[in-house]
Amino acid sequence: MLKPTTHKTAQLVSQLGAWGVGTDNVLLVDLEFDADLSLAVRNIPKVDNCTISELSAVDLVGFDRIIVSASALKGLEVMYQ
């Protein structure tokens, strides 16, 4: 699960930078999100998060970068087998 240690937006921006994706048009996909990540994401324009049950084709083409957790990827494989 994608889980920051705090709800601070600056930490999420730093983590996205460390992953080499920055904060321009990024979608985070996971099985579920905790309140800290949701709070951090809502303060960053052009960054959004969704669960695999909310994910749509529009999301996939609407973002330049998509970060999917390992658990979400396994969940998607099960959903679309």
Protein backbone atom coordinates (compact mmCIF):
# COMPACT_ATOMS: atom_id res chain seq x y z
CA MET A 1 0.00 0.00 0.00
CA LEU A 2 1.20 3.52 -0.77
CA LYS A 3 1.48 4.98 2.71
CA PRO A 4 3.20 8.19 3.74
CA THR A 5 4.34 8.63 7.32
CA THR A 6 2.49 11.94 7.60
CA HIS A 7 -0.32 13.88 5.94
CA LYS A 8 2.07 16.67 4.94
CA THR A 9 1.93 17.59 1.29
CA ALA A 10 5.65 18.42 1.22
CA GLN A 11 6.55 14.84 2.12
CA LEU A 12 4.43 13.45 -0.73
CA VAL A 13 5.95 15.95 -3.17
CA SER A 14 9.40 14.85 -2.01
CA GLN A 15 8.50 11.16 -2.41
CA LEU A 16 7.14 11.70 -5.92
CA GLY A 17 10.36 13.53 -6.78
CA ALA A 18 12.43 10.65 -5.40
CA TRP A 19 10.50 8.28 -7.65
CA GLY A 20 11.33 10.55 -10.59
CA VAL A 21 7.74 11.42 -11.49
CA GLY A 22 7.33 14.91 -10.05
CA THR A 23 3.88 16.39 -9.47
CA ASP A 24 2.63 17.06 -12.97
CA ASN A 25 -0.36 14.92 -14.00
CA VAL A 26 0.19 11.90 -11.71
CA LEU A 27 -2.33 9.24 -10.65
CA LEU A 28 -1.70 7.01 -7.63
CA VAL A 29 -3.55 3.67 -7.67
CA ASP A 30 -3.85 1.32 -4.69
CA LEU A 31 -6.28 -1.12 -3.10
CA GLU A 32 -7.20 1.50 -0.51
CA PHE A 33 -5.86 4.79 0.76
CA ASP A 34 -5.44 6.02 4.28
CA ALA A 35 -6.53 9.48 5.39
CA ASP A 36 -2.95 10.83 5.46
CA LEU A 37 -2.36 10.17 1.77
CA SER A 38 -5.76 11.52 0.78
CA LEU A 39 -5.07 14.74 2.69
CA ALA A 40 -1.66 15.15 1.07
CA VAL A 41 -2.92 14.42 -2.45
CA ARG A 42 -5.81 16.88 -2.37
CA ASN A 43 -3.38 19.79 -1.91
CA ILE A 44 -1.36 19.04 -5.04
CA PRO A 45 -2.85 20.18 -8.35
CA LYS A 46 -2.67 17.57 -11.12
CA VAL A 47 -2.08 14.71 -8.65
CA ASP A 48 -4.94 12.36 -7.80
CA ASN A 49 -5.50 8.99 -6.22
CA CYS A 50 -8.02 6.21 -6.78
CA THR A 51 -8.61 2.62 -5.77
CA ILE A 52 -8.68 -0.20 -8.30
CA SER A 53 -12.47 -0.34 -8.01
CA GLU A 54 -12.67 3.35 -9.02
CA LEU A 55 -10.11 3.11 -11.84
CA SER A 56 -11.43 3.70 -15.35
CA ALA A 57 -10.09 3.88 -18.88
CA VAL A 58 -10.52 7.65 -18.75
CA ASP A 59 -8.15 7.74 -15.76
CA LEU A 60 -5.58 5.68 -17.64
CA VAL A 61 -5.49 8.01 -20.64
CA GLY A 62 -5.98 11.21 -18.64
CA PHE A 63 -2.73 11.04 -16.68
CA ASP A 64 0.84 11.17 -17.95
CA ARG A 65 2.20 9.08 -15.08
CA ILE A 66 0.44 6.34 -13.15
CA ILE A 67 1.91 4.79 -10.01
CA VAL A 68 0.34 1.45 -9.10
CA SER A 69 1.23 -0.34 -5.86
CA ALA A 70 2.23 -4.00 -6.04
CA SER A 71 -0.91 -5.04 -4.16
CA ALA A 72 -3.12 -3.02 -6.53
CA LEU A 73 -1.43 -4.60 -9.54
CA LYS A 74 -2.17 -8.06 -8.17
CA GLY A 75 -5.76 -6.98 -7.53
CA LEU A 76 -6.11 -5.75 -11.12
CA GLU A 77 -4.74 -9.05 -12.43
CA VAL A 78 -7.39 -10.93 -10.46
CA MET A 79 -10.16 -8.57 -11.61
CA TYR A 80 -9.33 -8.91 -15.29
CA GLN A 81 -8.45 -12.60 -15.61
